[in-house]
Every structure is written in C-alpha cells, then in structure tokens.
Amino acid sequence: MQKNVQFVTDAEGHKTAVILPIEEYEDMMDDLAMGRAARESKPEPRRPLEDVVKELRAAGENDV
C-alpha cells in the first residue's frame, strides 16, 4: 500500500474510512473484477489444453 493513503477517524480515534489515490483505487477495482470473473467461471466445464489445441488445429485456427 502506498504511503499517501489516509484514514478518516471518528472522535474516539477509530478508523472509519480510507482515502487513497485514484490510480490505486482503480487497480484495486480491476483486481476485484478479475477475481469475480474467475469465481463465476469456476463451474464452467473444463477441457484439457491438448484437446483444445487439437480442435483449433483441425479448424485451421492454430498453427502451433
């Protein structure tokens, strides 16, 4: 975390909010979105990479 992160505290000194640079906030939101996408794709069926490569080669879509 950056040094320029600031905290908002209540009258008793308890942290109640955080202020951070917009770039760091945007990076954090991107990370959260990627994590959400990974969790949502988990139940999708999986196939071995070799099968996918064979299928792409057969369709002429991959030359590796």
C-alpha atoms as a PDB file:
ATOM      1  CA  MET A   1       0.000   0.000   0.000  1.00  0.00           C
ATOM      2  CA  GLN A   2       1.181   3.492  -0.775  1.00  0.00           C
ATOM      3  CA  LYS A   3       2.410   5.930   1.851  1.00  0.00           C
ATOM      4  CA  ASN A   4      -0.119   8.528   0.716  1.00  0.00           C
ATOM      5  CA  VAL A   5      -3.102   6.521   1.969  1.00  0.00           C
ATOM      6  CA  GLN A   6      -5.072   8.469   4.553  1.00  0.00           C
ATOM      7  CA  PHE A   7      -7.561   7.324   7.159  1.00  0.00           C
ATOM      8  CA  VAL A   8     -10.643   9.073   8.442  1.00  0.00           C
ATOM      9  CA  THR A   9     -11.194   8.523  12.143  1.00  0.00           C
ATOM     10  CA  ASP A  10     -14.094   9.119  14.456  1.00  0.00           C
ATOM     11  CA  ALA A  11     -13.951  11.151  17.682  1.00  0.00           C
ATOM     12  CA  GLU A  12     -12.561   8.109  19.530  1.00  0.00           C
ATOM     13  CA  GLY A  13      -9.762   7.589  17.005  1.00  0.00           C
ATOM     14  CA  HIS A  14     -11.251   4.508  15.342  1.00  0.00           C
ATOM     15  CA  LYS A  15     -10.631   4.263  11.603  1.00  0.00           C
ATOM     16  CA  THR A  16     -13.930   4.653   9.745  1.00  0.00           C
ATOM     17  CA  ALA A  17     -12.854   5.253   6.138  1.00  0.00           C
ATOM     18  CA  VAL A  18      -9.846   5.356   3.873  1.00  0.00           C
ATOM     19  CA  ILE A  19      -8.708   7.836   1.259  1.00  0.00           C
ATOM     20  CA  LEU A  20      -6.359   6.542  -1.402  1.00  0.00           C
ATOM     21  CA  PRO A  21      -5.051   7.751  -4.748  1.00  0.00           C
ATOM     22  CA  ILE A  22      -7.441   7.172  -7.646  1.00  0.00           C
ATOM     23  CA  GLU A  23      -4.907   5.021  -9.504  1.00  0.00           C
ATOM     24  CA  GLU A  24      -4.603   2.671  -6.553  1.00  0.00           C
ATOM     25  CA  TYR A  25      -8.402   2.573  -6.218  1.00  0.00           C
ATOM     26  CA  GLU A  26      -8.792   1.722  -9.915  1.00  0.00           C
ATOM     27  CA  ASP A  27      -6.158  -1.034  -9.652  1.00  0.00           C
ATOM     28  CA  MET A  28      -7.990  -2.464  -6.657  1.00  0.00           C
ATOM     29  CA  MET A  29     -11.315  -2.413  -8.511  1.00  0.00           C
ATOM     30  CA  ASP A  30      -9.708  -4.176 -11.507  1.00  0.00           C
ATOM     31  CA  ASP A  31      -8.338  -6.868  -9.183  1.00  0.00           C
ATOM     32  CA  LEU A  32     -11.771  -7.348  -7.631  1.00  0.00           C
ATOM     33  CA  ALA A  33     -13.425  -7.624 -11.047  1.00  0.00           C
ATOM     34  CA  MET A  34     -10.880 -10.219 -12.195  1.00  0.00           C
ATOM     35  CA  GLY A  35     -11.435 -12.222  -9.019  1.00  0.00           C
ATOM     36  CA  ARG A  36     -15.204 -12.083  -9.521  1.00  0.00           C
ATOM     37  CA  ALA A  37     -14.847 -13.267 -13.125  1.00  0.00           C
ATOM     38  CA  ALA A  38     -12.641 -16.145 -12.006  1.00  0.00           C
ATOM     39  CA  ARG A  39     -15.161 -17.228  -9.360  1.00  0.00           C
ATOM     40  CA  GLU A  40     -18.078 -17.008 -11.792  1.00  0.00           C
ATOM     41  CA  SER A  41     -16.272 -19.091 -14.421  1.00  0.00           C
ATOM     42  CA  LYS A  42     -15.406 -21.857 -11.967  1.00  0.00           C
ATOM     43  CA  PRO A  43     -18.480 -24.024 -12.650  1.00  0.00           C
ATOM     44  CA  GLU A  44     -17.888 -23.960 -16.408  1.00  0.00           C
ATOM     45  CA  PRO A  45     -16.760 -27.282 -17.848  1.00  0.00           C
ATOM     46  CA  ARG A  46     -13.029 -27.762 -18.251  1.00  0.00           C
ATOM     47  CA  ARG A  47     -11.183 -29.452 -21.111  1.00  0.00           C
ATOM     48  CA  PRO A  48      -7.567 -30.493 -21.379  1.00  0.00           C
ATOM     49  CA  LEU A  49      -5.419 -27.969 -23.237  1.00  0.00           C
ATOM     50  CA  GLU A  50      -4.275 -30.673 -25.650  1.00  0.00           C
ATOM     51  CA  ASP A  51      -7.894 -31.232 -26.751  1.00  0.00           C
ATOM     52  CA  VAL A  52      -8.435 -27.536 -27.360  1.00  0.00           C
ATOM     53  CA  VAL A  53      -5.202 -27.253 -29.368  1.00  0.00           C
ATOM     54  CA  LYS A  54      -6.151 -30.290 -31.496  1.00  0.00           C
ATOM     55  CA  GLU A  55      -9.566 -28.794 -32.153  1.00  0.00           C
ATOM     56  CA  LEU A  56      -8.088 -25.415 -33.152  1.00  0.00           C
ATOM     57  CA  ARG A  57      -5.541 -27.081 -35.446  1.00  0.00           C
ATOM     58  CA  ALA A  58      -8.268 -29.159 -37.115  1.00  0.00           C
ATOM     59  CA  ALA A  59     -10.263 -25.977 -37.744  1.00  0.00           C
ATOM     60  CA  GLY A  60      -7.157 -24.223 -39.124  1.00  0.00           C
ATOM     61  CA  GLU A  61      -7.244 -21.642 -36.358  1.00  0.00           C
ATOM     62  CA  ASN A  62      -3.930 -22.539 -34.741  1.00  0.00           C
ATOM     63  CA  ASP A  63      -0.570 -23.343 -36.280  1.00  0.00           C
ATOM     64  CA  VAL A  64       1.320 -24.121 -33.071  1.00  0.00           C
END
